[in-house]
Amino acid sequence: MFLLDLLGFSLDEKFKVYFSCTSYFYFKNGHQTVFLI
C-alpha cells in the first residue's frame, strides 16, 4: 500500500482501491487467499 501513499491517496481512497482489488480477485479465483498484501 506504500505505493498509494507515494501517489498521495487518502486513507479512504486506499480502502476503496484495496476493497475493489480483493473483491475482484476473490470472485476471479474463488476461495483462494484474498487478503494479499
PDB file of N, CA and C in Angstrom:
ATOM      1  N   MET A   1       0.832  -1.208   0.000  1.00  0.00           N
ATOM      2  CA  MET A   1       0.000   0.000   0.000  1.00  0.00           C
ATOM      3  C   MET A   1       0.864   1.256   0.000  1.00  0.00           C
ATOM      4  N   PHE A   2       2.157   1.103   0.215  1.00  0.00           N
ATOM      5  CA  PHE A   2       3.024   2.282   0.276  1.00  0.00           C
ATOM      6  C   PHE A   2       3.082   3.003  -1.067  1.00  0.00           C
ATOM      7  N   LEU A   3       2.830   2.267  -2.154  1.00  0.00           N
ATOM      8  CA  LEU A   3       2.820   2.921  -3.470  1.00  0.00           C
ATOM      9  C   LEU A   3       1.691   3.934  -3.558  1.00  0.00           C
ATOM     10  N   LEU A   4       0.562   3.615  -2.926  1.00  0.00           N
ATOM     11  CA  LEU A   4      -0.552   4.558  -2.917  1.00  0.00           C
ATOM     12  C   LEU A   4      -0.207   5.777  -2.090  1.00  0.00           C
ATOM     13  N   ASP A   5       0.560   5.574  -1.017  1.00  0.00           N
ATOM     14  CA  ASP A   5       0.996   6.711  -0.205  1.00  0.00           C
ATOM     15  C   ASP A   5       1.842   7.659  -1.043  1.00  0.00           C
ATOM     16  N   LEU A   6       2.708   7.098  -1.870  1.00  0.00           N
ATOM     17  CA  LEU A   6       3.563   7.925  -2.718  1.00  0.00           C
ATOM     18  C   LEU A   6       2.736   8.700  -3.735  1.00  0.00           C
ATOM     19  N   LEU A   7       1.612   8.127  -4.127  1.00  0.00           N
ATOM     20  CA  LEU A   7       0.745   8.796  -5.100  1.00  0.00           C
ATOM     21  C   LEU A   7      -0.177   9.808  -4.438  1.00  0.00           C
ATOM     22  N   GLY A   8      -0.157   9.859  -3.120  1.00  0.00           N
ATOM     23  CA  GLY A   8      -0.955  10.846  -2.407  1.00  0.00           C
ATOM     24  C   GLY A   8      -2.399  10.428  -2.186  1.00  0.00           C
ATOM     25  N   PHE A   9      -2.665   9.134  -2.189  1.00  0.00           N
ATOM     26  CA  PHE A   9      -4.030   8.680  -1.941  1.00  0.00           C
ATOM     27  C   PHE A   9      -4.398   8.864  -0.471  1.00  0.00           C
ATOM     28  N   SER A  10      -5.614   9.235  -0.243  1.00  0.00           N
ATOM     29  CA  SER A  10      -6.083   9.359   1.135  1.00  0.00           C
ATOM     30  C   SER A  10      -6.408   7.972   1.677  1.00  0.00           C
ATOM     31  N   LEU A  11      -6.616   7.863   2.983  1.00  0.00           N
ATOM     32  CA  LEU A  11      -6.912   6.573   3.600  1.00  0.00           C
ATOM     33  C   LEU A  11      -8.202   5.990   3.030  1.00  0.00           C
ATOM     34  N   ASP A  12      -9.203   6.827   2.818  1.00  0.00           N
ATOM     35  CA  ASP A  12     -10.473   6.367   2.277  1.00  0.00           C
ATOM     36  C   ASP A  12     -10.293   5.829   0.862  1.00  0.00           C
ATOM     37  N   GLU A  13      -9.496   6.520   0.065  1.00  0.00           N
ATOM     38  CA  GLU A  13      -9.267   6.067  -1.304  1.00  0.00           C
ATOM     39  C   GLU A  13      -8.503   4.759  -1.323  1.00  0.00           C
ATOM     40  N   LYS A  14      -7.527   4.628  -0.412  1.00  0.00           N
ATOM     41  CA  LYS A  14      -6.769   3.379  -0.338  1.00  0.00           C
ATOM     42  C   LYS A  14      -7.688   2.222   0.032  1.00  0.00           C
ATOM     43  N   PHE A  15      -8.624   2.459   0.932  1.00  0.00           N
ATOM     44  CA  PHE A  15      -9.553   1.405   1.322  1.00  0.00           C
ATOM     45  C   PHE A  15     -10.419   0.993   0.139  1.00  0.00           C
ATOM     46  N   LYS A  16     -10.899   1.974  -0.611  1.00  0.00           N
ATOM     47  CA  LYS A  16     -11.745   1.678  -1.770  1.00  0.00           C
ATOM     48  C   LYS A  16     -10.989   0.850  -2.797  1.00  0.00           C
ATOM     49  N   VAL A  17      -9.737   1.245  -3.061  1.00  0.00           N
ATOM     50  CA  VAL A  17      -8.930   0.521  -4.042  1.00  0.00           C
ATOM     51  C   VAL A  17      -8.641  -0.895  -3.554  1.00  0.00           C
ATOM     52  N   TYR A  18      -8.260  -1.024  -2.276  1.00  0.00           N
ATOM     53  CA  TYR A  18      -7.944  -2.330  -1.710  1.00  0.00           C
ATOM     54  C   TYR A  18      -9.173  -3.238  -1.726  1.00  0.00           C
ATOM     55  N   PHE A  19     -10.324  -2.685  -1.347  1.00  0.00           N
ATOM     56  CA  PHE A  19     -11.553  -3.470  -1.328  1.00  0.00           C
ATOM     57  C   PHE A  19     -11.925  -3.919  -2.735  1.00  0.00           C
ATOM     58  N   SER A  20     -11.773  -3.029  -3.702  1.00  0.00           N
ATOM     59  CA  SER A  20     -12.100  -3.361  -5.085  1.00  0.00           C
ATOM     60  C   SER A  20     -11.189  -4.469  -5.605  1.00  0.00           C
ATOM     61  N   CYS A  21      -9.904  -4.365  -5.305  1.00  0.00           N
ATOM     62  CA  CYS A  21      -8.940  -5.368  -5.770  1.00  0.00           C
ATOM     63  C   CYS A  21      -9.198  -6.721  -5.126  1.00  0.00           C
ATOM     64  N   THR A  22      -9.417  -6.732  -3.817  1.00  0.00           N
ATOM     65  CA  THR A  22      -9.640  -8.003  -3.132  1.00  0.00           C
ATOM     66  C   THR A  22     -10.949  -8.636  -3.593  1.00  0.00           C
ATOM     67  N   SER A  23     -11.954  -7.815  -3.834  1.00  0.00           N
ATOM     68  CA  SER A  23     -13.229  -8.339  -4.318  1.00  0.00           C
ATOM     69  C   SER A  23     -13.057  -8.956  -5.698  1.00  0.00           C
ATOM     70  N   TYR A  24     -12.313  -8.261  -6.564  1.00  0.00           N
ATOM     71  CA  TYR A  24     -12.080  -8.760  -7.920  1.00  0.00           C
ATOM     72  C   TYR A  24     -11.375 -10.111  -7.892  1.00  0.00           C
ATOM     73  N   PHE A  25     -10.281 -10.204  -7.124  1.00  0.00           N
ATOM     74  CA  PHE A  25      -9.530 -11.454  -7.071  1.00  0.00           C
ATOM     75  C   PHE A  25     -10.333 -12.551  -6.382  1.00  0.00           C
ATOM     76  N   TYR A  26     -11.182 -12.172  -5.432  1.00  0.00           N
ATOM     77  CA  TYR A  26     -11.998 -13.174  -4.745  1.00  0.00           C
ATOM     78  C   TYR A  26     -12.957 -13.841  -5.723  1.00  0.00           C
ATOM     79  N   PHE A  27     -13.660 -13.024  -6.505  1.00  0.00           N
ATOM     80  CA  PHE A  27     -14.627 -13.583  -7.448  1.00  0.00           C
ATOM     81  C   PHE A  27     -13.933 -14.263  -8.622  1.00  0.00           C
ATOM     82  N   LYS A  28     -12.729 -13.807  -8.958  1.00  0.00           N
ATOM     83  CA  LYS A  28     -11.997 -14.396 -10.076  1.00  0.00           C
ATOM     84  C   LYS A  28     -11.411 -15.748  -9.702  1.00  0.00           C
ATOM     85  N   ASN A  29     -10.883 -15.855  -8.484  1.00  0.00           N
ATOM     86  CA  ASN A  29     -10.153 -17.054  -8.080  1.00  0.00           C
ATOM     87  C   ASN A  29     -10.911 -17.925  -7.084  1.00  0.00           C
ATOM     88  N   GLY A  30     -12.167 -17.595  -6.851  1.00  0.00           N
ATOM     89  CA  GLY A  30     -12.936 -18.405  -5.926  1.00  0.00           C
ATOM     90  C   GLY A  30     -12.512 -18.153  -4.492  1.00  0.00           C
ATOM     91  N   HIS A  31     -12.257 -19.238  -3.748  1.00  0.00           N
ATOM     92  CA  HIS A  31     -11.963 -19.098  -2.325  1.00  0.00           C
ATOM     93  C   HIS A  31     -10.468 -19.167  -2.029  1.00  0.00           C
ATOM     94  N   GLN A  32      -9.659 -18.775  -3.005  1.00  0.00           N
ATOM     95  CA  GLN A  32      -8.224 -18.711  -2.736  1.00  0.00           C
ATOM     96  C   GLN A  32      -7.947 -17.533  -1.817  1.00  0.00           C
ATOM     97  N   THR A  33      -6.717 -17.391  -1.392  1.00  0.00           N
ATOM     98  CA  THR A  33      -6.350 -16.319  -0.462  1.00  0.00           C
ATOM     99  C   THR A  33      -6.680 -14.961  -1.051  1.00  0.00           C
ATOM    100  N   VAL A  34      -7.456 -14.181  -0.295  1.00  0.00           N
ATOM    101  CA  VAL A  34      -7.903 -12.876  -0.766  1.00  0.00           C
ATOM    102  C   VAL A  34      -7.061 -11.769  -0.159  1.00  0.00           C
ATOM    103  N   PHE A  35      -6.697 -11.932   1.099  1.00  0.00           N
ATOM    104  CA  PHE A  35      -6.045 -10.841   1.830  1.00  0.00           C
ATOM    105  C   PHE A  35      -4.538 -10.802   1.581  1.00  0.00           C
ATOM    106  N   LEU A  36      -4.200 -10.613   0.297  1.00  0.00           N
ATOM    107  CA  LEU A  36      -2.789 -10.478  -0.063  1.00  0.00           C
ATOM    108  C   LEU A  36      -2.354  -9.045   0.173  1.00  0.00           C
ATOM    109  N   ILE A  37      -1.142  -8.879   0.715  1.00  0.00           N
ATOM    110  CA  ILE A  37      -0.650  -7.525   0.979  1.00  0.00           C
ATOM    111  C   ILE A  37       0.577  -7.257   0.096  1.00  0.00           C
TER     112      ILE A  37
END
